[in-house]
Amino acid sequence: MLETIILCTIFGVFVLVAYTLGLRNGQKLSNNKEITMPELNPVKAIQNEIEIHEEKKKQEQVDIMMANIDNYDGTSIGQQNIPN
């Protein structure tokens, strides 16, 4: 009895996952977007996230440097510290 309930619950979850994936892919097809498979290798996925984070950090540093150049008036007033 308990096994039947557990199997029905697991099967229901699989049905919901398949339904949501189908909806998402259907929306992409109707909007002429490319359908791609998610990254299955967790190491590559984490490396990609680290690279994105580092790029954002470098861009933030460049933005602060440019703002410091724009705000420079011969003194340190209005200057921001550049994070490491």
C-alpha atoms as a PDB file:
ATOM      1  CA  MET A   1       0.000   0.000   0.000  1.00  0.00           C
ATOM      2  CA  LEU A   2       2.720   2.487   1.004  1.00  0.00           C
ATOM      3  CA  GLU A   3       4.832   1.492  -1.999  1.00  0.00           C
ATOM      4  CA  THR A   4       1.910   2.242  -4.316  1.00  0.00           C
ATOM      5  CA  ILE A   5       1.470   5.725  -2.820  1.00  0.00           C
ATOM      6  CA  ILE A   6       5.177   6.472  -3.144  1.00  0.00           C
ATOM      7  CA  LEU A   7       5.277   5.246  -6.760  1.00  0.00           C
ATOM      8  CA  CYS A   8       2.200   7.310  -7.668  1.00  0.00           C
ATOM      9  CA  THR A   9       3.775  10.390  -6.089  1.00  0.00           C
ATOM     10  CA  ILE A  10       7.065   9.898  -7.942  1.00  0.00           C
ATOM     11  CA  PHE A  11       5.221   9.282 -11.212  1.00  0.00           C
ATOM     12  CA  GLY A  12       3.166  12.452 -10.646  1.00  0.00           C
ATOM     13  CA  VAL A  13       6.311  14.499 -10.106  1.00  0.00           C
ATOM     14  CA  PHE A  14       7.799  13.137 -13.345  1.00  0.00           C
ATOM     15  CA  VAL A  15       4.618  14.040 -15.211  1.00  0.00           C
ATOM     16  CA  LEU A  16       4.745  17.618 -13.848  1.00  0.00           C
ATOM     17  CA  VAL A  17       8.425  18.000 -14.785  1.00  0.00           C
ATOM     18  CA  ALA A  18       7.790  16.737 -18.304  1.00  0.00           C
ATOM     19  CA  TYR A  19       4.795  19.051 -18.656  1.00  0.00           C
ATOM     20  CA  THR A  20       6.734  22.156 -17.560  1.00  0.00           C
ATOM     21  CA  LEU A  21       9.667  21.290 -19.856  1.00  0.00           C
ATOM     22  CA  GLY A  22       7.233  20.855 -22.719  1.00  0.00           C
ATOM     23  CA  LEU A  23       5.635  24.225 -21.988  1.00  0.00           C
ATOM     24  CA  ARG A  24       8.995  25.959 -21.831  1.00  0.00           C
ATOM     25  CA  ASN A  25      10.221  24.371 -25.069  1.00  0.00           C
ATOM     26  CA  GLY A  26       6.916  25.162 -26.755  1.00  0.00           C
ATOM     27  CA  GLN A  27       7.256  28.824 -25.792  1.00  0.00           C
ATOM     28  CA  LYS A  28      10.801  28.892 -27.165  1.00  0.00           C
ATOM     29  CA  LEU A  29       9.644  27.347 -30.436  1.00  0.00           C
ATOM     30  CA  SER A  30       6.804  29.825 -30.822  1.00  0.00           C
ATOM     31  CA  ASN A  31       9.202  32.731 -30.182  1.00  0.00           C
ATOM     32  CA  ASN A  32      11.801  31.308 -32.629  1.00  0.00           C
ATOM     33  CA  LYS A  33      14.400  30.884 -29.887  1.00  0.00           C
ATOM     34  CA  GLU A  34      17.009  28.134 -29.813  1.00  0.00           C
ATOM     35  CA  ILE A  35      16.291  25.167 -27.565  1.00  0.00           C
ATOM     36  CA  THR A  36      19.400  24.002 -25.727  1.00  0.00           C
ATOM     37  CA  MET A  37      20.022  21.229 -23.257  1.00  0.00           C
ATOM     38  CA  PRO A  38      21.126  22.261 -19.769  1.00  0.00           C
ATOM     39  CA  GLU A  39      24.748  21.685 -18.812  1.00  0.00           C
ATOM     40  CA  LEU A  40      24.908  18.191 -17.334  1.00  0.00           C
ATOM     41  CA  ASN A  41      28.502  18.408 -16.141  1.00  0.00           C
ATOM     42  CA  PRO A  42      28.450  20.138 -12.734  1.00  0.00           C
ATOM     43  CA  VAL A  43      32.159  21.008 -12.896  1.00  0.00           C
ATOM     44  CA  LYS A  44      31.701  22.931 -16.160  1.00  0.00           C
ATOM     45  CA  ALA A  45      28.567  24.608 -14.829  1.00  0.00           C
ATOM     46  CA  ILE A  46      30.416  25.814 -11.725  1.00  0.00           C
ATOM     47  CA  GLN A  47      33.397  26.966 -13.822  1.00  0.00           C
ATOM     48  CA  ASN A  48      31.031  28.969 -16.022  1.00  0.00           C
ATOM     49  CA  GLU A  49      29.453  30.607 -12.971  1.00  0.00           C
ATOM     50  CA  ILE A  50      32.899  31.477 -11.585  1.00  0.00           C
ATOM     51  CA  GLU A  51      33.941  33.003 -14.930  1.00  0.00           C
ATOM     52  CA  ILE A  52      30.750  35.057 -15.087  1.00  0.00           C
ATOM     53  CA  HIS A  53      31.304  36.268 -11.521  1.00  0.00           C
ATOM     54  CA  GLU A  54      34.912  37.247 -12.277  1.00  0.00           C
ATOM     55  CA  GLU A  55      33.874  39.100 -15.420  1.00  0.00           C
ATOM     56  CA  LYS A  56      31.243  41.048 -13.480  1.00  0.00           C
ATOM     57  CA  LYS A  57      33.817  41.878 -10.806  1.00  0.00           C
ATOM     58  CA  LYS A  58      36.312  43.142 -13.417  1.00  0.00           C
ATOM     59  CA  GLN A  59      33.604  45.187 -15.120  1.00  0.00           C
ATOM     60  CA  GLU A  60      32.629  46.722 -11.768  1.00  0.00           C
ATOM     61  CA  GLN A  61      36.270  47.671 -11.167  1.00  0.00           C
ATOM     62  CA  VAL A  62      36.503  49.288 -14.603  1.00  0.00           C
ATOM     63  CA  ASP A  63      33.239  51.178 -14.002  1.00  0.00           C
ATOM     64  CA  ILE A  64      34.550  52.538 -10.684  1.00  0.00           C
ATOM     65  CA  MET A  65      37.851  53.526 -12.324  1.00  0.00           C
ATOM     66  CA  MET A  66      36.013  55.399 -15.068  1.00  0.00           C
ATOM     67  CA  ALA A  67      33.787  57.115 -12.505  1.00  0.00           C
ATOM     68  CA  ASN A  68      36.896  58.123 -10.528  1.00  0.00           C
ATOM     69  CA  ILE A  69      38.405  59.626 -13.684  1.00  0.00           C
ATOM     70  CA  ASP A  70      35.193  61.539 -14.370  1.00  0.00           C
ATOM     71  CA  ASN A  71      35.003  62.814 -10.768  1.00  0.00           C
ATOM     72  CA  TYR A  72      38.668  63.801 -10.438  1.00  0.00           C
ATOM     73  CA  ASP A  73      39.176  67.474  -9.575  1.00  0.00           C
ATOM     74  CA  GLY A  74      42.732  67.381  -8.227  1.00  0.00           C
ATOM     75  CA  THR A  75      41.709  66.126  -4.784  1.00  0.00           C
ATOM     76  CA  SER A  76      40.491  62.822  -3.397  1.00  0.00           C
ATOM     77  CA  ILE A  77      36.958  64.159  -2.891  1.00  0.00           C
ATOM     78  CA  GLY A  78      34.396  62.049  -4.742  1.00  0.00           C
ATOM     79  CA  GLN A  79      36.801  59.172  -5.366  1.00  0.00           C
ATOM     80  CA  GLN A  80      35.657  55.608  -4.688  1.00  0.00           C
ATOM     81  CA  ASN A  81      37.796  52.722  -3.508  1.00  0.00           C
ATOM     82  CA  ILE A  82      38.286  49.974  -6.079  1.00  0.00           C
ATOM     83  CA  PRO A  83      37.362  46.570  -4.601  1.00  0.00           C
ATOM     84  CA  ASN A  84      39.855  43.711  -4.992  1.00  0.00           C
END
